[in-house]
Amino acid sequence: MMSVIMRAYNNEKFIWKAIESVIKQTRSDFELVVINDGSTDSTTGIISSFIDKRIHNITQKNSGAIESAYSGIKHAKGEYVTFLDADDEMKENALAELAEPLDRDKNIGFTYSDYEEVEYHTKKKKVVSLDNKFNHVVCGMMFRK
């Protein structure tokens, strides 16, 4: 099983699409651990509107992105972990493609995929590639827990 950790803080504009993108994955052996980091907008209600036993909503006082990530890892039950922030979306085969090498070879510790950044106002797209793994956030990566 895979754990998708979603950090959310006041993401009412985007979180519906983010959660939907996880639910629509071609692989269904996952849990979605949403860390609601003290949201004060309608983020909490939007998360609660999803009826899916794979979604786990963890609400905490606002602690920031790093603490939210640690909280997500602590609550994750999957063998593999990946992150998707509440203002991001996954392509429908993202989990399958990231997990396949890990399923095939137990010596592989993590996988990576390029991803697109889309500028909110202009809709301009930019592909982000792994040029330097030490100068990169965890988007598009899956790790063994």
Protein backbone atom coordinates (compact mmCIF):
# COMPACT_ATOMS: atom_id res chain seq x y z
CA MET A 1 0.00 0.00 0.00
CA MET A 2 1.03 3.58 -0.64
CA SER A 3 0.45 6.61 1.55
CA VAL A 4 -0.16 9.96 -0.11
CA ILE A 5 0.46 12.76 2.39
CA MET A 6 -1.35 16.00 1.65
CA ARG A 7 -0.46 19.07 3.67
CA ALA A 8 -3.27 21.62 3.72
CA TYR A 9 -3.51 25.13 5.12
CA ASN A 10 -6.32 27.39 3.91
CA ASN A 11 -6.48 25.71 0.51
CA GLU A 12 -10.21 26.01 -0.15
CA LYS A 13 -9.61 27.08 -3.78
CA PHE A 14 -7.61 23.99 -4.71
CA ILE A 15 -8.09 21.09 -2.31
CA TRP A 16 -11.15 19.59 -4.02
CA LYS A 17 -9.19 19.04 -7.26
CA ALA A 18 -6.16 17.79 -5.31
CA ILE A 19 -8.16 15.14 -3.46
CA GLU A 20 -10.05 14.15 -6.63
CA SER A 21 -6.75 13.65 -8.45
CA VAL A 22 -5.70 11.11 -5.82
CA ILE A 23 -9.04 9.30 -5.72
CA LYS A 24 -8.98 8.86 -9.52
CA GLN A 25 -5.61 7.07 -9.57
CA THR A 26 -5.32 3.92 -11.71
CA ARG A 27 -3.98 2.09 -8.63
CA SER A 28 -6.36 1.90 -5.72
CA ASP A 29 -4.07 0.44 -3.02
CA PHE A 30 -3.41 3.74 -1.29
CA GLU A 31 -4.47 5.87 1.62
CA LEU A 32 -4.67 9.64 1.52
CA VAL A 33 -3.50 11.22 4.77
CA VAL A 34 -4.64 14.85 4.80
CA ILE A 35 -2.87 16.96 7.39
CA ASN A 36 -5.14 19.93 7.97
CA ASP A 37 -2.66 22.37 9.48
CA GLY A 38 -5.08 24.63 11.37
CA SER A 39 -7.04 25.92 8.37
CA THR A 40 -9.45 28.77 9.11
CA ASP A 41 -11.26 28.81 5.75
CA SER A 42 -13.60 26.12 4.35
CA THR A 43 -10.78 23.59 3.81
CA THR A 44 -12.01 21.43 6.70
CA GLY A 45 -15.55 21.18 5.28
CA ILE A 46 -14.30 20.32 1.82
CA ILE A 47 -12.12 17.50 3.17
CA SER A 48 -15.06 16.17 5.22
CA SER A 49 -17.33 16.16 2.16
CA PHE A 50 -15.41 13.24 0.65
CA ILE A 51 -16.80 9.86 1.64
CA ASP A 52 -13.96 7.44 0.99
CA LYS A 53 -12.50 5.08 3.59
CA ARG A 54 -9.02 5.64 2.14
CA ILE A 55 -9.05 9.31 3.22
CA HIS A 56 -7.82 10.09 6.73
CA ASN A 57 -8.24 13.69 7.90
CA ILE A 58 -5.79 14.68 10.63
CA THR A 59 -6.45 18.14 12.06
CA GLN A 60 -3.73 19.88 14.05
CA LYS A 61 -2.93 23.38 15.21
CA ASN A 62 -1.00 25.40 12.66
CA SER A 63 2.59 24.14 12.80
CA GLY A 64 3.94 24.78 9.31
CA ALA A 65 4.90 22.66 6.31
CA ILE A 66 7.79 20.71 7.88
CA GLU A 67 5.86 19.68 11.00
CA SER A 68 2.87 18.78 8.82
CA ALA A 69 5.10 16.51 6.74
CA TYR A 70 6.41 14.77 9.87
CA SER A 71 2.86 14.39 11.15
CA GLY A 72 1.84 12.82 7.84
CA ILE A 73 4.72 10.34 7.95
CA LYS A 74 3.83 9.45 11.55
CA HIS A 75 0.23 8.65 10.54
CA ALA A 76 1.09 6.92 7.25
CA LYS A 77 0.50 3.18 7.16
CA GLY A 78 1.74 2.49 3.64
CA GLU A 79 5.00 0.83 2.66
CA TYR A 80 5.61 3.71 0.23
CA VAL A 81 5.14 7.42 0.91
CA THR A 82 4.66 10.32 -1.47
CA PHE A 83 3.60 13.94 -0.95
CA LEU A 84 1.01 16.01 -2.75
CA ASP A 85 0.24 19.45 -1.41
CA ALA A 86 -3.35 20.66 -1.35
CA ASP A 87 -2.76 23.07 -4.25
CA ASP A 88 -1.32 20.37 -6.53
CA GLU A 89 -2.80 17.59 -8.66
CA MET A 90 -1.59 14.14 -9.72
CA LYS A 91 -1.94 12.70 -13.18
CA GLU A 92 -4.13 9.59 -13.00
CA ASN A 93 -1.26 7.11 -13.39
CA ALA A 94 1.23 8.88 -11.09
CA LEU A 95 1.06 6.38 -8.22
CA ALA A 96 1.33 3.40 -10.58
CA GLU A 97 4.37 4.79 -12.34
CA LEU A 98 6.16 5.86 -9.15
CA ALA A 99 5.50 2.53 -7.40
CA GLU A 100 6.37 0.16 -10.25
CA PRO A 101 10.19 0.27 -9.80
CA LEU A 102 9.80 -0.05 -6.02
CA ASP A 103 7.54 -3.10 -6.47
CA ARG A 104 9.98 -4.67 -8.92
CA ASP A 105 13.25 -4.14 -7.03
CA LYS A 106 13.46 -4.09 -3.21
CA ASN A 107 16.91 -2.45 -3.43
CA ILE A 108 15.44 0.78 -4.83
CA GLY A 109 14.81 3.30 -2.05
CA PHE A 110 12.93 6.01 -3.94
CA THR A 111 11.61 6.92 -7.36
CA TYR A 112 11.25 10.24 -9.09
CA SER A 113 9.22 11.71 -11.91
CA ASP A 114 9.41 15.04 -13.68
CA TYR A 115 6.39 17.21 -13.00
CA GLU A 116 4.68 20.29 -14.38
CA GLU A 117 4.29 23.58 -12.61
CA VAL A 118 1.36 25.65 -13.85
CA GLU A 119 1.30 29.36 -13.03
CA TYR A 120 -2.14 30.03 -11.53
CA HIS A 121 -2.99 33.29 -13.33
CA THR A 122 -1.36 32.80 -16.74
CA LYS A 123 -1.72 28.97 -16.94
CA LYS A 124 1.82 28.88 -18.30
CA LYS A 125 3.35 25.40 -17.85
CA LYS A 126 6.92 24.54 -16.97
CA VAL A 127 8.37 21.02 -16.72
CA VAL A 128 10.55 20.52 -13.65
CA SER A 129 13.25 17.85 -14.06
CA LEU A 130 15.64 16.37 -11.59
CA ASP A 131 18.80 18.27 -12.45
CA ASN A 132 20.09 18.27 -8.90
CA LYS A 133 18.48 15.95 -6.36
CA PHE A 134 19.87 18.06 -3.51
CA ASN A 135 18.15 21.20 -4.81
CA HIS A 136 14.66 19.76 -5.04
CA VAL A 137 11.47 19.46 -3.05
CA VAL A 138 9.69 16.12 -2.63
CA CYS A 139 7.15 16.69 -5.42
CA GLY A 140 7.17 13.78 -7.83
CA MET A 141 9.06 11.47 -5.46
CA MET A 142 8.00 8.26 -3.74
CA PHE A 143 10.00 6.76 -0.87
CA ARG A 144 10.03 3.50 1.02
CA LYS A 145 8.78 4.28 4.52
